[in-house]
Protein backbone atom coordinates (compact mmCIF):
# COMPACT_ATOMS: atom_id res chain seq x y z
CA MET A 1 10.69 -8.60 -73.44
CA SER A 2 8.50 -7.58 -70.50
CA SER A 3 9.15 -4.14 -69.07
CA SER A 4 9.87 -5.50 -65.58
CA ARG A 5 12.44 -7.97 -66.93
CA THR A 6 14.01 -5.25 -69.07
CA ARG A 7 14.36 -2.94 -66.05
CA ARG A 8 15.79 -5.75 -63.96
CA ILE A 9 18.47 -6.67 -66.52
CA ALA A 10 19.31 -3.03 -67.26
CA LYS A 11 19.70 -2.36 -63.53
CA GLU A 12 21.96 -5.39 -63.11
CA VAL A 13 24.18 -4.37 -66.05
CA ALA A 14 24.38 -0.81 -64.70
CA ASP A 15 25.38 -2.14 -61.26
CA ILE A 16 28.16 -4.19 -62.86
CA HIS A 17 29.41 -1.12 -64.74
CA SER A 18 29.46 0.96 -61.53
CA ASP A 19 31.44 -1.66 -59.59
CA ASN A 20 35.12 -0.75 -59.95
CA LEU A 21 36.42 -3.34 -57.49
CA SER A 22 35.25 -6.79 -58.55
CA ASN A 23 36.62 -6.65 -62.14
CA ILE A 24 33.45 -8.35 -63.35
CA PHE A 25 32.15 -7.07 -66.70
CA ALA A 26 29.00 -7.61 -68.78
CA ASN A 27 27.75 -5.89 -71.93
CA PRO A 28 25.02 -6.54 -74.50
CA VAL A 29 26.09 -8.23 -77.72
CA GLY A 30 25.93 -6.21 -80.95
CA ASN A 31 24.45 -2.70 -80.91
CA GLY A 32 23.52 -2.88 -77.24
CA GLU A 33 19.74 -2.90 -77.73
CA ASP A 34 19.19 -6.61 -77.02
CA LEU A 35 19.58 -7.20 -73.29
CA THR A 36 18.78 -10.91 -73.63
CA HIS A 37 22.27 -11.74 -74.95
CA LEU A 38 25.33 -10.53 -73.05
CA LYS A 39 29.04 -11.19 -72.94
CA GLY A 40 30.51 -11.29 -69.45
CA SER A 41 34.15 -11.49 -68.43
CA PHE A 42 36.42 -11.79 -65.43
CA LYS A 43 40.07 -12.42 -64.58
CA GLY A 44 41.39 -15.79 -63.49
CA PRO A 45 41.71 -15.89 -59.67
CA PRO A 46 45.14 -15.35 -58.06
CA GLY A 47 46.92 -18.48 -56.89
CA THR A 48 45.33 -20.71 -59.57
CA PRO A 49 46.57 -21.99 -62.95
CA TYR A 50 44.15 -19.47 -64.51
CA GLU A 51 45.69 -16.42 -62.82
CA GLY A 52 45.95 -13.36 -65.07
CA GLY A 53 43.81 -14.82 -67.87
CA ASN A 54 40.73 -13.06 -69.22
CA TYR A 55 37.71 -15.35 -69.45
CA ILE A 56 34.76 -14.50 -71.69
CA ILE A 57 31.34 -15.89 -70.77
CA ASP A 58 28.35 -16.10 -73.12
CA VAL A 59 25.18 -15.12 -71.23
CA LYS A 60 21.66 -15.67 -72.57
CA ILE A 61 18.66 -14.48 -70.58
CA PRO A 62 15.56 -16.74 -70.69
CA ASN A 63 12.06 -15.35 -71.07
CA ASP A 64 11.11 -16.07 -67.46
CA TYR A 65 14.26 -14.58 -65.88
CA PRO A 66 14.85 -14.11 -62.93
CA PHE A 67 12.71 -17.15 -62.07
CA ARG A 68 14.98 -19.24 -64.29
CA PRO A 69 18.78 -18.84 -64.30
CA PRO A 70 20.72 -17.23 -67.14
CA ILE A 71 22.20 -19.70 -69.61
CA MET A 72 25.97 -19.36 -69.44
CA LYS A 73 28.94 -21.03 -71.10
CA PHE A 74 32.64 -20.27 -71.44
CA ASP A 75 33.58 -18.75 -74.79
CA THR A 76 37.22 -18.91 -73.69
CA LYS A 77 38.57 -22.45 -73.73
CA VAL A 78 39.47 -23.58 -70.22
CA TRP A 79 40.93 -26.80 -68.78
CA HIS A 80 38.69 -27.41 -65.77
CA PRO A 81 36.74 -30.49 -64.61
CA ASN A 82 33.44 -28.61 -64.30
CA VAL A 83 33.64 -26.97 -67.73
CA SER A 84 33.54 -28.83 -71.05
CA SER A 85 36.89 -28.45 -72.80
CA GLN A 86 35.01 -28.82 -76.11
CA THR A 87 31.84 -26.72 -75.78
CA GLY A 88 32.36 -24.52 -72.70
CA ALA A 89 29.26 -25.98 -71.02
CA ILE A 90 29.30 -25.52 -67.24
CA CYS A 91 28.36 -27.82 -64.36
CA LEU A 92 27.44 -25.49 -61.48
CA ASP A 93 24.40 -25.76 -59.23
CA THR A 94 24.09 -21.95 -59.03
CA LEU A 95 23.09 -22.05 -62.70
CA SER A 96 20.60 -24.89 -62.20
CA SER A 97 19.07 -26.36 -59.06
CA ALA A 98 20.46 -23.77 -56.62
CA TRP A 99 19.35 -20.73 -58.63
CA SER A 100 17.14 -18.20 -56.83
CA PRO A 101 15.36 -15.11 -58.23
CA VAL A 102 17.34 -12.95 -55.81
CA LEU A 103 20.60 -13.95 -57.48
CA THR A 104 21.92 -11.84 -60.33
CA ILE A 105 24.07 -11.95 -63.45
CA LYS A 106 26.91 -10.48 -61.40
CA SER A 107 26.63 -13.06 -58.62
CA ALA A 108 26.53 -15.84 -61.23
CA LEU A 109 29.71 -14.52 -62.87
CA LEU A 110 31.37 -14.28 -59.45
CA SER A 111 30.37 -17.89 -58.80
CA LEU A 112 32.03 -18.91 -62.07
CA GLN A 113 35.19 -17.05 -61.09
CA SER A 114 35.10 -18.81 -57.72
CA LEU A 115 34.62 -22.15 -59.51
CA LEU A 116 38.05 -21.71 -61.09
CA SER A 117 39.49 -21.67 -57.56
CA THR A 118 37.54 -24.71 -56.37
CA PRO A 119 37.37 -27.43 -59.06
CA GLU A 120 35.18 -30.40 -58.14
CA PRO A 121 36.30 -33.54 -60.00
CA LYS A 122 33.63 -35.70 -58.31
CA ASP A 123 30.87 -33.82 -60.17
CA PRO A 124 32.51 -33.27 -63.56
CA GLN A 125 31.37 -31.74 -66.81
CA ASP A 126 34.53 -33.05 -68.48
CA ALA A 127 35.51 -36.56 -67.39
CA GLU A 128 38.95 -36.42 -69.04
CA VAL A 129 39.94 -33.30 -67.12
CA ALA A 130 38.49 -34.65 -63.88
CA GLY A 131 40.46 -37.86 -64.29
CA MET A 132 43.70 -35.95 -64.78
CA LEU A 133 43.07 -33.79 -61.71
CA THR A 134 42.38 -36.87 -59.61
CA ARG A 135 45.32 -38.98 -60.84
CA ASN A 136 47.97 -36.31 -61.47
CA PRO A 137 47.24 -32.87 -59.96
CA LYS A 138 50.58 -31.39 -61.06
CA GLU A 139 49.97 -32.38 -64.67
CA PHE A 140 46.47 -30.91 -64.42
CA GLU A 141 47.92 -27.59 -63.23
CA ARG A 142 50.48 -27.61 -66.03
CA VAL A 143 47.88 -28.18 -68.75
CA ALA A 144 45.40 -25.76 -67.16
CA HIS A 145 48.05 -23.04 -67.14
CA GLU A 146 49.10 -23.81 -70.71
CA TRP A 147 45.50 -23.34 -71.81
CA ALA A 148 45.24 -20.14 -69.75
CA VAL A 149 48.29 -18.75 -71.56
CA LYS A 150 47.15 -19.94 -75.00
CA TYR A 151 43.45 -19.07 -74.89
CA ALA A 152 42.99 -16.51 -72.08
CA GLY A 153 46.17 -14.47 -72.48
CA ALA A 154 47.53 -15.32 -69.04
CA PRO A 155 51.22 -14.53 -68.44
CA LYS A 156 53.61 -17.46 -68.52
CA LYS A 157 54.99 -18.64 -65.19
CA ASP A 158 58.56 -19.69 -64.50
CA SER A 159 59.04 -23.45 -64.30
CA GLY A 160 59.59 -23.29 -60.53
CA GLU A 161 56.51 -21.21 -59.97
CA GLY A 162 53.53 -23.38 -59.08
CA SER A 163 49.91 -22.49 -58.50
CA GLY A 164 49.22 -24.99 -55.74
CA GLY A 165 52.05 -27.31 -54.75
CA GLY A 166 55.07 -25.27 -55.89
CA LYS A 167 57.06 -22.60 -54.13
CA ALA A 168 55.38 -20.65 -51.38
CA GLU A 169 54.39 -17.14 -52.35
CA THR A 170 56.87 -14.64 -50.93
CA LYS A 171 55.95 -11.42 -49.19
CA GLU A 172 57.25 -9.44 -52.15
CA GLN A 173 55.12 -11.47 -54.57
CA LYS A 174 52.03 -10.91 -52.45
CA GLN A 175 52.62 -7.16 -52.53
CA LYS A 176 52.62 -7.25 -56.32
CA ARG A 177 48.99 -8.30 -56.41
CA SER A 178 46.83 -5.42 -57.55
CA LYS A 179 44.06 -4.08 -55.35
CA GLU A 180 41.59 -5.05 -58.03
CA GLU A 181 42.65 -8.72 -57.96
CA GLU A 182 42.42 -8.86 -54.19
CA ALA A 183 38.95 -7.27 -54.30
CA ALA A 184 37.82 -9.80 -56.91
CA GLU A 185 39.15 -12.67 -54.78
CA ARG A 186 37.33 -11.38 -51.70
CA ALA A 187 34.11 -10.99 -53.68
CA ALA A 188 34.35 -14.56 -55.01
CA MET A 189 35.05 -15.91 -51.53
CA TYR A 190 32.06 -13.96 -50.22
CA VAL A 191 29.72 -15.52 -52.75
CA SER A 192 30.85 -19.05 -51.84
CA SER A 193 31.22 -18.45 -48.10
CA PRO A 194 30.27 -21.58 -46.08
CA GLN A 195 29.00 -19.33 -43.29
CA LEU A 196 26.47 -17.76 -45.64
CA ALA A 197 25.50 -21.19 -46.92
CA ARG A 198 24.66 -22.25 -43.37
CA GLY A 199 22.52 -19.17 -42.86
CA LYS A 200 24.06 -18.43 -39.49
CA VAL A 201 22.77 -15.33 -37.67
CA SER A 202 25.93 -13.60 -36.42
CA ASP A 203 24.74 -10.01 -36.05
CA SER A 204 21.04 -9.93 -35.23
CA CYS A 205 21.02 -6.18 -34.64
CA ARG A 206 22.47 -5.26 -38.02
CA TYR A 207 20.22 -7.77 -39.79
CA GLY A 208 17.13 -6.49 -37.98
CA GLY A 209 16.40 -9.88 -36.46
CA TYR A 210 16.10 -11.52 -39.88
CA ASN A 211 18.12 -14.56 -40.87
CA GLU A 212 21.49 -13.50 -42.29
CA GLN A 213 21.25 -15.69 -45.38
CA MET A 214 17.80 -14.31 -46.27
CA ILE A 215 19.18 -10.76 -46.21
CA ASN A 216 22.38 -11.70 -48.03
CA ARG A 217 20.46 -13.19 -50.95
CA PHE A 218 19.53 -9.59 -51.78
CA VAL A 219 22.92 -8.19 -50.75
CA TRP A 220 24.36 -10.37 -53.54
CA MET A 221 22.33 -8.22 -55.95
CA GLY A 222 24.47 -5.25 -54.91
CA PHE A 223 22.25 -3.63 -52.27
CA GLU A 224 23.39 -2.47 -48.84
CA ILE A 225 22.34 -4.55 -45.82
CA ASP A 226 20.47 -1.61 -44.25
CA ARG A 227 18.45 -1.07 -47.45
CA VAL A 228 17.50 -4.74 -47.63
CA VAL A 229 16.43 -4.81 -43.98
CA SER A 230 14.35 -1.67 -44.59
CA ALA A 231 12.69 -3.30 -47.62
CA PHE A 232 11.90 -6.41 -45.56
CA ASP A 233 10.30 -4.19 -42.90
CA TYR A 234 8.34 -2.25 -45.53
CA VAL A 235 6.96 -5.39 -47.18
CA GLY A 236 6.20 -6.94 -43.79
CA ILE A 237 8.39 -10.04 -43.86
CA ASP A 238 8.14 -12.25 -40.77
CA PRO A 239 11.57 -12.45 -38.99
CA ASN A 240 10.64 -16.00 -37.90
CA ASP A 241 12.93 -15.77 -34.86
CA GLY A 242 15.99 -15.44 -37.09
CA GLU A 243 15.42 -18.79 -38.82
CA ASP A 244 15.85 -19.16 -42.57
CA TYR A 245 12.85 -20.02 -44.76
CA GLU A 246 11.90 -19.70 -48.41
CA LEU A 247 10.05 -16.54 -49.35
CA GLU A 248 7.07 -16.71 -51.68
CA GLU A 249 7.68 -15.34 -55.17
CA ALA A 250 5.23 -12.48 -54.56
CA TYR A 251 7.25 -11.30 -51.56
CA ILE A 252 10.50 -11.62 -53.51
CA GLY A 253 9.01 -9.45 -56.27
CA ASP A 254 7.79 -6.82 -53.77
CA ILE A 255 11.17 -6.65 -52.03
CA THR A 256 13.06 -6.40 -55.33
CA ALA A 257 10.70 -3.68 -56.58
CA ARG A 258 11.20 -1.72 -53.36
CA LEU A 259 15.00 -1.99 -53.66
CA LEU A 260 14.89 -0.90 -57.31
CA GLY A 261 12.71 2.08 -56.40
CA GLU A 262 9.68 0.84 -58.34
CA PRO A 263 6.18 1.77 -57.09
């Protein structure tokens, strides 16, 4: 493995370990020496049939990472239209056509956690599950929760307790949510935020005149906005009047190296 790729993966794993809020985990398989094969995990999002379950993700790092996405699949069986109920294969554009070198293992795992909150039956990985969700959403939720209990260790819910169309969550129930779960939910929502997807410039001063989405691509790696703006200035990135545009790979590498403290 190239030294730059090794440093990049090691830095990403260390950042995941130092994050006590998102409840996202990733560790090398075996004795810890091979950083090309990891096991990631996260909790099922609150308010979904997967709530409280622990989901294990197999993560393999390709030779040309980060210019190609990590190869991920669910080790934990899950009833979801965008995940194969047989193999754990995943249909998610973040892990294919929408991948960018500024994304990270952590942001990919957060995207998977967010996917559990936003199933998309029109672009399925598992046609049987997608058909059930489309024809009978309540039955889908029942089976999804049964699988979460059986395979992911989620707590059983009372029969009157739904995850979408059942009883409204009471104030007392909301207060029972742990701070960690709420932080994980916020992080997942942040990754999939439509505002970020549009690249809207809402705070030109804080973003140094750069397009918000361009800066946030690096913020998703775990860096502070001010540090990213400083790295952009150091490398000499053109603000382009706050408009979004695709950076050349050389610039992406220079910015990432600056953020990681490499010469």
